[in-house]
Protein backbone atom coordinates (compact mmCIF):
# COMPACT_ATOMS: atom_id res chain seq x y z
CA MET A 1 -32.10 84.29 -14.37
CA SER A 2 -31.95 81.57 -11.74
CA LYS A 3 -34.39 79.12 -13.34
CA PHE A 4 -33.46 75.45 -13.44
CA ALA A 5 -34.40 73.08 -16.24
CA MET A 6 -33.84 69.42 -16.84
CA TYR A 7 -34.53 66.85 -19.49
CA GLY A 8 -34.71 63.34 -18.14
CA LYS A 9 -34.33 60.46 -20.56
CA LEU A 10 -35.70 57.33 -18.92
CA THR A 11 -35.38 53.93 -20.52
CA ALA A 12 -38.09 51.62 -19.25
CA GLN A 13 -37.63 47.92 -18.75
CA PRO A 14 -38.94 46.18 -21.90
CA GLY A 15 -42.73 46.36 -21.99
CA LYS A 16 -42.95 48.62 -18.92
CA ARG A 17 -43.08 52.06 -20.54
CA GLU A 18 -46.84 52.52 -20.12
CA GLU A 19 -46.66 51.66 -16.42
CA LEU A 20 -43.76 54.08 -15.97
CA VAL A 21 -45.65 56.81 -17.86
CA ARG A 22 -48.65 56.37 -15.54
CA ILE A 23 -46.46 56.96 -12.48
CA LEU A 24 -44.81 60.00 -14.10
CA LEU A 25 -48.23 61.44 -14.94
CA GLU A 26 -49.22 60.95 -11.26
CA ALA A 27 -46.09 62.92 -10.39
CA ALA A 28 -47.12 65.67 -12.81
CA GLU A 29 -50.53 65.85 -11.15
CA HIS A 30 -48.94 66.04 -7.71
CA LEU A 31 -46.61 68.84 -8.87
CA LYS A 32 -49.56 71.08 -9.81
CA SER A 33 -49.62 72.22 -6.18
CA ASN A 34 -45.84 72.84 -6.06
CA SER A 35 -45.25 76.54 -6.79
CA GLY A 36 -41.56 75.88 -7.49
CA CYS A 37 -42.37 73.62 -10.44
CA GLU A 38 -43.29 75.67 -13.49
CA LEU A 39 -43.36 72.88 -16.09
CA TYR A 40 -43.36 69.07 -15.95
CA ILE A 41 -44.16 67.31 -19.20
CA VAL A 42 -44.02 63.56 -19.79
CA ASN A 43 -43.14 62.62 -23.38
CA GLU A 44 -43.02 59.24 -25.12
CA ALA A 45 -40.34 58.75 -27.77
CA GLU A 46 -42.02 58.04 -31.10
CA ASN A 47 -39.21 55.84 -32.40
CA ASP A 48 -38.35 53.85 -29.25
CA PRO A 49 -40.99 51.85 -27.38
CA ASP A 50 -39.01 51.92 -24.13
CA THR A 51 -37.98 55.60 -23.92
CA VAL A 52 -39.69 58.37 -21.97
CA TRP A 53 -38.50 61.97 -21.78
CA VAL A 54 -39.48 64.28 -18.94
CA THR A 55 -39.18 68.03 -19.51
CA GLU A 56 -38.92 70.07 -16.30
CA LEU A 57 -38.69 73.79 -15.52
CA TRP A 58 -38.26 74.96 -11.94
CA ARG A 59 -38.14 78.35 -10.23
CA ASP A 60 -34.56 77.46 -9.27
CA ALA A 61 -32.35 74.45 -8.47
CA GLU A 62 -33.30 74.66 -4.80
CA ALA A 63 -37.01 74.19 -5.61
CA HIS A 64 -36.13 71.08 -7.59
CA ALA A 65 -33.97 69.70 -4.77
CA ALA A 66 -36.71 70.38 -2.21
CA SER A 67 -39.25 68.48 -4.33
CA LEU A 68 -37.11 65.36 -4.05
CA LYS A 69 -37.64 65.36 -0.27
CA ASP A 70 -41.44 65.33 -0.56
CA GLU A 71 -43.00 62.15 0.88
CA LYS A 72 -45.35 61.58 -2.08
CA THR A 73 -42.52 62.16 -4.56
CA LEU A 74 -40.30 59.67 -2.74
CA GLU A 75 -43.10 57.08 -2.86
CA GLN A 76 -43.52 57.63 -6.62
CA ILE A 77 -39.78 57.31 -7.19
CA ALA A 78 -39.74 54.04 -5.24
CA ARG A 79 -42.58 52.66 -7.40
CA ALA A 80 -40.94 53.80 -10.64
CA ARG A 81 -37.39 52.66 -9.91
CA PRO A 82 -37.94 48.93 -10.71
CA LEU A 83 -39.48 49.90 -14.07
CA ILE A 84 -36.42 51.90 -15.16
CA ALA A 85 -33.56 50.20 -17.00
CA GLY A 86 -31.56 53.41 -17.38
CA ALA A 87 -31.68 57.14 -16.78
CA ASP A 88 -29.83 60.02 -18.38
CA PRO A 89 -30.63 63.35 -16.71
CA ILE A 90 -29.52 66.48 -18.54
CA ARG A 91 -29.32 69.55 -16.29
CA LEU A 92 -29.74 72.92 -18.00
CA ARG A 93 -29.63 76.63 -17.22
CA PRO A 94 -32.31 78.46 -19.23
CA VAL A 95 -31.12 81.74 -20.72
CA GLY A 96 -34.24 82.97 -22.51
CA GLY A 97 -36.93 82.27 -25.06
CA LYS A 98 -40.68 82.09 -25.39
CA GLY A 99 -42.35 81.10 -22.13
CA LEU A 100 -39.63 82.34 -19.82
């Protein structure tokens, strides 16, 4: 299986989580037309008012890399960057389970 998955833990600047979430949800909407993206879910941490988790599943690592060259994606990243105090991406290789 060549699928590529990633969890992204984003820590928003204090008080900026909702604004960051709005941009990430725009990204999710934009990704609906990207056949390489199979799952993109934006999650708010229940116990931390500044933390957002993004769950991603891609056809393969190349599809993910190609998405980062998209003009709209680059614009969204530029808008989100000042709202982010920290990021901790976790790259994964799915091996099986429900939904794969």
